[in-house]
Protein backbone atom coordinates (compact mmCIF):
# COMPACT_ATOMS: atom_id res chain seq x y z
CA UNK A 1 0.13 -0.09 0.07
CA UNK A 2 2.88 2.38 0.79
CA UNK A 3 4.19 2.07 -2.88
CA UNK A 4 0.89 3.46 -4.06
CA UNK A 5 0.12 6.18 -1.64
CA UNK A 6 3.59 7.98 -1.28
CA UNK A 7 3.52 8.71 -5.03
CA UNK A 8 -0.09 9.72 -4.86
CA UNK A 9 0.58 12.18 -2.07
CA UNK A 10 3.68 13.46 -4.24
CA UNK A 11 1.60 13.91 -7.18
CA UNK A 12 -1.07 15.70 -5.23
CA UNK A 13 1.49 18.11 -3.87
CA UNK A 14 2.84 18.59 -7.54
CA UNK A 15 -0.76 19.22 -8.93
CA UNK A 16 -1.53 21.84 -6.32
CA UNK A 17 1.64 23.58 -6.90
CA UNK A 18 1.17 23.66 -10.59
CA UNK A 19 -2.21 25.38 -10.43
CA UNK A 20 -0.84 28.45 -8.60
CA UNK A 21 1.69 30.89 -9.60
CA UNK A 22 4.28 31.45 -6.96
CA UNK A 23 5.40 35.16 -6.52
CA UNK A 24 8.76 35.68 -4.89
CA UNK A 25 7.41 36.63 -1.59
CA UNK A 26 4.89 33.94 -1.34
CA UNK A 27 4.42 32.03 2.02
CA UNK A 28 6.68 29.02 2.40
CA UNK A 29 4.20 25.93 2.06
CA UNK A 30 4.72 23.34 5.18
CA UNK A 31 3.07 19.81 5.09
CA UNK A 32 2.50 17.98 8.40
CA UNK A 33 1.26 14.39 8.31
CA UNK A 34 -0.81 13.07 10.90
CA UNK A 35 -3.10 9.97 11.23
CA UNK A 36 -6.53 8.80 11.31
CA UNK A 37 -9.03 11.74 11.02
CA UNK A 38 -10.60 10.31 14.23
CA UNK A 39 -7.15 9.98 16.06
CA UNK A 40 -5.12 12.54 18.01
CA UNK A 41 -2.28 12.56 15.49
CA UNK A 42 -4.45 14.34 12.95
CA UNK A 43 -5.15 16.92 15.78
CA UNK A 44 -1.52 17.37 16.36
CA UNK A 45 -1.14 18.13 12.61
CA UNK A 46 -4.08 20.47 12.46
CA UNK A 47 -3.52 22.38 15.57
CA UNK A 48 0.15 22.94 14.86
CA UNK A 49 -0.56 24.21 11.52
CA UNK A 50 -3.35 26.49 13.08
CA UNK A 51 -0.61 27.86 15.35
CA UNK A 52 1.97 28.40 12.41
CA UNK A 53 -0.60 30.07 10.30
CA UNK A 54 -1.76 32.34 12.95
CA UNK A 55 1.64 33.34 14.37
CA UNK A 56 4.28 33.36 11.34
CA UNK A 57 3.05 36.71 10.02
CA UNK A 58 2.30 35.19 6.65
CA UNK A 59 5.82 33.55 6.29
CA UNK A 60 4.40 29.90 6.09
CA UNK A 61 1.15 28.37 4.82
CA UNK A 62 0.90 25.07 6.83
CA UNK A 63 -1.46 22.43 5.99
CA UNK A 64 -2.18 19.32 8.36
CA UNK A 65 -3.17 16.04 6.43
CA UNK A 66 -4.59 12.75 7.61
CA UNK A 67 -2.16 9.93 7.01
CA UNK A 68 -1.55 6.25 7.64
CA UNK A 69 0.39 6.73 10.76
CA UNK A 70 3.94 6.52 12.21
CA UNK A 71 5.63 4.14 9.50
CA UNK A 72 4.03 6.09 6.78
CA UNK A 73 4.98 9.53 8.23
CA UNK A 74 8.56 8.50 8.79
CA UNK A 75 8.85 7.24 5.26
CA UNK A 76 7.18 10.22 3.71
CA UNK A 77 9.39 12.68 5.85
CA UNK A 78 12.42 10.85 4.70
CA UNK A 79 11.37 11.00 1.04
CA UNK A 80 10.61 14.74 1.15
CA UNK A 81 6.84 14.30 0.71
CA UNK A 82 6.11 15.60 4.24
CA UNK A 83 7.89 18.47 5.87
CA UNK A 84 6.94 17.10 9.50
CA UNK A 85 5.13 13.95 10.48
CA UNK A 86 3.85 12.67 13.89
CA UNK A 87 4.93 9.21 14.87
CA UNK A 88 5.58 7.13 17.86
CA UNK A 89 8.64 7.30 19.95
CA UNK A 90 9.12 3.53 19.58
CA UNK A 91 8.68 3.69 15.87
CA UNK A 92 11.27 6.80 15.83
CA UNK A 93 13.78 4.61 17.57
CA UNK A 94 13.33 1.59 15.28
CA UNK A 95 13.62 3.85 12.08
CA UNK A 96 16.75 5.54 13.41
CA UNK A 97 18.43 2.25 14.42
CA UNK A 98 17.45 0.03 11.61
CA UNK A 99 14.98 -2.18 13.33
CA UNK A 100 11.50 -3.73 12.83
CA UNK A 101 9.91 -2.23 9.60
CA UNK A 102 13.48 -0.58 8.76
CA UNK A 103 15.70 -3.69 9.61
CA UNK A 104 18.79 -3.46 7.66
CA UNK A 105 18.17 0.07 6.50
CA UNK A 106 18.36 2.84 9.09
CA UNK A 107 16.59 6.14 8.28
CA UNK A 108 19.73 8.21 8.77
CA UNK A 109 18.18 11.54 8.10
CA UNK A 110 15.49 11.20 10.70
CA UNK A 111 15.38 14.04 13.20
CA UNK A 112 13.25 14.63 16.30
CA UNK A 113 11.46 17.94 16.75
CA UNK A 114 9.47 17.87 19.97
CA UNK A 115 7.13 15.30 21.72
CA UNK A 116 3.49 15.79 22.16
CA UNK A 117 1.07 13.73 24.31
CA UNK A 118 1.59 10.49 25.75
CA UNK A 119 -0.19 7.53 23.88
CA UNK A 120 -1.60 4.49 25.55
CA UNK A 121 -1.71 0.98 23.97
CA UNK A 122 -5.21 0.14 24.08
CA UNK A 123 -7.31 -2.98 23.78
CA UNK A 124 -11.07 -2.22 23.26
CA UNK A 125 -13.81 -4.53 23.17
CA UNK A 126 -17.75 -4.60 23.67
CA UNK A 127 -19.15 -5.77 27.13
CA UNK A 128 -21.08 -8.53 25.43
CA UNK A 129 -18.02 -10.46 23.87
CA UNK A 130 -16.87 -11.81 27.06
CA UNK A 131 -13.48 -10.65 26.39
CA UNK A 132 -11.82 -9.78 29.81
CA UNK A 133 -8.10 -10.55 29.00
CA UNK A 134 -5.74 -10.52 26.09
CA UNK A 135 -5.84 -14.37 26.20
CA UNK A 136 -9.48 -14.14 25.70
CA UNK A 137 -8.85 -12.87 22.00
CA UNK A 138 -8.14 -16.45 20.61
CA UNK A 139 -10.36 -17.21 17.75
CA UNK A 140 -11.87 -13.88 17.77
CA UNK A 141 -11.83 -10.99 14.98
CA UNK A 142 -9.48 -8.43 16.02
CA UNK A 143 -8.43 -5.24 14.35
CA UNK A 144 -4.57 -4.93 14.74
CA UNK A 145 -4.27 -1.68 12.89
CA UNK A 146 -3.65 -0.78 9.20
CA UNK A 147 -0.21 -1.66 7.49
CA UNK A 148 1.84 1.50 8.03
CA UNK A 149 0.61 2.42 11.45
CA UNK A 150 2.43 2.23 14.64
CA UNK A 151 -0.30 0.67 16.43
CA UNK A 152 -0.16 -2.32 14.38
CA UNK A 153 3.46 -3.02 15.59
CA UNK A 154 2.30 -2.55 19.19
CA UNK A 155 -0.62 -5.00 18.74
CA UNK A 156 1.70 -7.42 17.34
CA UNK A 157 4.04 -7.15 20.26
CA UNK A 158 1.21 -7.57 22.66
CA UNK A 159 -0.12 -10.57 21.04
CA UNK A 160 3.41 -12.27 20.79
CA UNK A 161 3.97 -11.42 24.62
CA UNK A 162 0.84 -13.18 25.33
CA UNK A 163 1.58 -16.08 23.15
CA UNK A 164 -0.88 -15.62 20.37
CA UNK A 165 0.00 -15.87 16.86
CA UNK A 166 -1.58 -13.04 14.95
CA UNK A 167 -1.57 -15.19 11.62
CA UNK A 168 -3.12 -18.30 13.00
CA UNK A 169 -5.04 -17.69 16.51
CA UNK A 170 -6.99 -14.83 15.70
CA UNK A 171 -8.76 -13.38 12.69
CA UNK A 172 -6.42 -10.34 12.26
CA UNK A 173 -8.16 -7.25 10.56
CA UNK A 174 -5.99 -4.32 8.93
CA UNK A 175 -8.57 -1.59 9.25
CA UNK A 176 -7.82 2.18 9.86
CA UNK A 177 -9.18 3.34 13.10
CA UNK A 178 -12.27 5.09 11.90
CA UNK A 179 -13.26 1.88 10.23
CA UNK A 180 -12.41 -0.21 13.26
CA UNK A 181 -14.43 1.97 15.52
CA UNK A 182 -17.60 1.32 13.57
CA UNK A 183 -16.96 -2.22 12.85
CA UNK A 184 -16.89 -2.75 16.71
CA UNK A 185 -20.31 -0.94 17.08
CA UNK A 186 -21.67 -3.05 14.24
CA UNK A 187 -20.17 -6.21 15.56
CA UNK A 188 -18.02 -6.97 12.74
CA UNK A 189 -15.01 -7.19 14.98
CA UNK A 190 -14.74 -8.31 18.53
CA UNK A 191 -12.14 -5.93 19.62
CA UNK A 192 -9.53 -3.56 18.24
CA UNK A 193 -6.23 -2.24 19.33
CA UNK A 194 -5.47 1.25 19.22
CA UNK A 195 -2.44 3.51 20.35
CA UNK A 196 -3.59 6.88 21.10
CA UNK A 197 -3.70 9.88 23.37
CA UNK A 198 -6.79 10.20 25.61
CA UNK A 199 -9.45 11.11 25.23
CA UNK A 200 -9.82 9.98 21.63
CA UNK A 201 -12.96 10.40 19.51
CA UNK A 202 -12.27 6.91 18.17
CA UNK A 203 -12.99 5.41 21.68
CA UNK A 204 -15.68 7.88 22.48
CA UNK A 205 -17.67 6.78 19.52
CA UNK A 206 -18.12 3.22 20.39
CA UNK A 207 -18.43 4.10 24.03
CA UNK A 208 -21.41 6.37 23.21
CA UNK A 209 -22.97 3.96 21.17
CA UNK A 210 -22.53 0.44 22.88
CA UNK A 211 -21.00 -0.95 26.08
CA UNK A 212 -17.30 -0.97 25.90
CA UNK A 213 -14.66 -2.49 27.99
CA UNK A 214 -10.96 -1.38 27.88
CA UNK A 215 -8.96 -4.72 28.65
CA UNK A 216 -5.82 -4.49 30.90
CA UNK A 217 -2.49 -4.93 29.07
CA UNK A 218 -0.50 -5.78 32.09
CA UNK A 219 1.47 -9.01 32.59
CA UNK A 220 5.04 -9.83 33.68
CA UNK A 221 6.14 -10.35 30.05
CA UNK A 222 4.93 -6.75 29.20
CA UNK A 223 6.69 -5.19 32.14
CA UNK A 224 9.94 -7.11 31.27
CA UNK A 225 9.39 -6.05 27.58
CA UNK A 226 9.38 -2.28 28.37
CA UNK A 227 11.90 -2.52 31.13
CA UNK A 228 14.89 -1.62 28.87
CA UNK A 229 13.05 0.50 26.42
CA UNK A 230 13.26 4.23 27.42
CA UNK A 231 10.49 4.88 24.94
CA UNK A 232 7.89 2.91 26.90
CA UNK A 233 6.40 3.56 30.22
CA UNK A 234 3.45 1.71 32.21
CA UNK A 235 0.56 3.82 32.77
CA UNK A 236 -3.19 3.62 33.32
CA UNK A 237 -6.54 4.73 31.89
CA UNK A 238 -8.30 6.76 34.57
CA UNK A 239 -12.02 6.13 35.72
CA UNK A 240 -14.40 8.40 33.82
CA UNK A 241 -11.83 8.88 30.73
CA UNK A 242 -14.61 7.04 28.68
CA UNK A 243 -18.26 6.29 29.30
CA UNK A 244 -18.45 2.81 30.86
CA UNK A 245 -14.79 2.87 32.19
CA UNK A 246 -15.23 3.01 35.95
CA UNK A 247 -12.08 1.58 37.18
CA UNK A 248 -8.41 2.38 36.38
CA UNK A 249 -7.14 0.08 33.48
CA UNK A 250 -3.32 -0.83 33.32
CA UNK A 251 -1.41 -0.72 30.14
CA UNK A 252 1.80 0.83 28.76
CA UNK A 253 2.46 3.93 26.56
CA UNK A 254 4.74 5.84 24.24
CA UNK A 255 5.12 9.34 23.27
CA UNK A 256 3.79 11.03 20.07
CA UNK A 257 6.61 12.86 18.56
CA UNK A 258 7.11 15.34 15.66
CA UNK A 259 9.74 14.31 13.39
CA UNK A 260 11.50 16.05 10.19
CA UNK A 261 14.27 15.08 7.80
CA UNK A 262 17.78 16.48 8.29
CA UNK A 263 17.34 17.95 5.04
CA UNK A 264 14.72 20.45 6.27
CA UNK A 265 16.24 23.80 6.85
CA UNK A 266 17.40 24.77 10.26
CA UNK A 267 15.56 27.99 10.26
CA UNK A 268 12.28 26.41 9.24
CA UNK A 269 12.36 23.97 12.15
CA UNK A 270 13.55 26.71 14.73
CA UNK A 271 10.58 28.88 13.52
CA UNK A 272 8.22 26.04 14.02
CA UNK A 273 9.51 25.03 17.45
CA UNK A 274 9.52 28.67 18.56
CA UNK A 275 5.71 29.42 17.43
CA UNK A 276 4.77 26.16 19.16
CA UNK A 277 6.40 26.84 22.41
CA UNK A 278 5.55 30.43 22.64
CA UNK A 279 1.89 29.79 22.01
CA UNK A 280 1.68 26.47 24.01
CA UNK A 281 -1.57 27.76 25.88
CA UNK A 282 -3.39 27.72 22.60
CA UNK A 283 -2.18 24.37 21.78
CA UNK A 284 -3.21 23.07 25.22
CA UNK A 285 -6.58 24.77 24.75
CA UNK A 286 -7.13 22.95 21.40
CA UNK A 287 -7.68 19.27 22.41
CA UNK A 288 -8.06 17.51 25.73
CA UNK A 289 -5.07 15.30 24.96
CA UNK A 290 -2.90 18.38 25.02
CA UNK A 291 -4.11 20.08 28.24
CA UNK A 292 -1.08 18.90 30.25
CA UNK A 293 1.79 19.77 27.79
CA UNK A 294 4.73 21.06 29.29
CA UNK A 295 8.14 22.09 27.65
CA UNK A 296 10.30 19.89 29.74
CA UNK A 297 8.14 16.75 29.03
CA UNK A 298 7.98 17.69 25.24
CA UNK A 299 11.83 17.18 25.09
CA UNK A 300 11.46 13.65 26.53
CA UNK A 301 10.98 10.49 24.43
CA UNK A 302 12.96 12.03 21.41
CA UNK A 303 14.28 8.70 20.36
CA UNK A 304 15.73 9.81 17.01
CA UNK A 305 18.62 12.58 16.96
CA UNK A 306 17.39 16.05 17.58
CA UNK A 307 17.09 18.49 14.47
CA UNK A 308 19.65 21.23 14.70
CA UNK A 309 16.93 23.81 14.30
CA UNK A 310 15.00 22.51 17.34
CA UNK A 311 18.21 22.33 19.25
CA UNK A 312 18.96 25.80 18.63
CA UNK A 313 15.62 27.25 20.07
CA UNK A 314 16.14 24.82 23.13
CA UNK A 315 19.40 25.99 23.79
CA UNK A 316 18.55 29.51 23.71
CA UNK A 317 15.82 28.72 26.13
CA UNK A 318 18.52 26.98 28.49
CA UNK A 319 16.40 23.69 28.28
CA UNK A 320 19.29 21.59 27.13
């Protein structure tokens, strides 16, 4: 799918550019790739672009686009099809170090810009399925995420650590998240994995339409798995986060991070970081998942090398 979609995005950018004459003093176009339209990645792309467009005095024209997720965004940034992309901190580490989807071919130009919200690895089911543990997924229809998404890798890790073969032990689906949420309501899948900041519309939709359960992802194998990986932390979904979730649910989390290519000009990255950090209250107020953002935490989980343009701003502020 990636081979088809990446050229399509490139063609769209070229087409738009060919329809508009570009005067010498035109705003610099920026493109940020997010995720599913019902996910928080898309909100990161939209809201960061809104800040840039509002506070750059016409210097930049930023567009936030839905996209297929972490793997897609990292590859698109590397190929110059996106200026910035949102991706999970674990996927950034894998890409920078030539692991998982990038085994044998590290993305050497991948650079971190800043972290956003923490993202929990969730397993969501309907209350009527009888699924109360990961082991109960055996023989069930389960959405593990579309190819090109970070959540698919997280789902595969969880299944493996619980001794479940995704190819043989479950009916694994590869839906995008907006489709998976609807499929759960319509009883076309029994459960779905989703890695997301909370609260997320993709969980609220089924929670408001049917009785849901968020299944704990907490075993000794999970804790051993994350122990030596600085981009993972244990966390919990608090009661009341979603309708019907009345007790804390243990799971683990990654950080959503904004990345760019080393080829993107230092000044552009500096300007973007400066605008975001100096207008952080607006970003906090734009979505519930961003309400606790703090600069110190936005420099954590940067598992690919830091972009020099971002480092320039952080050094000026005395943050590093």
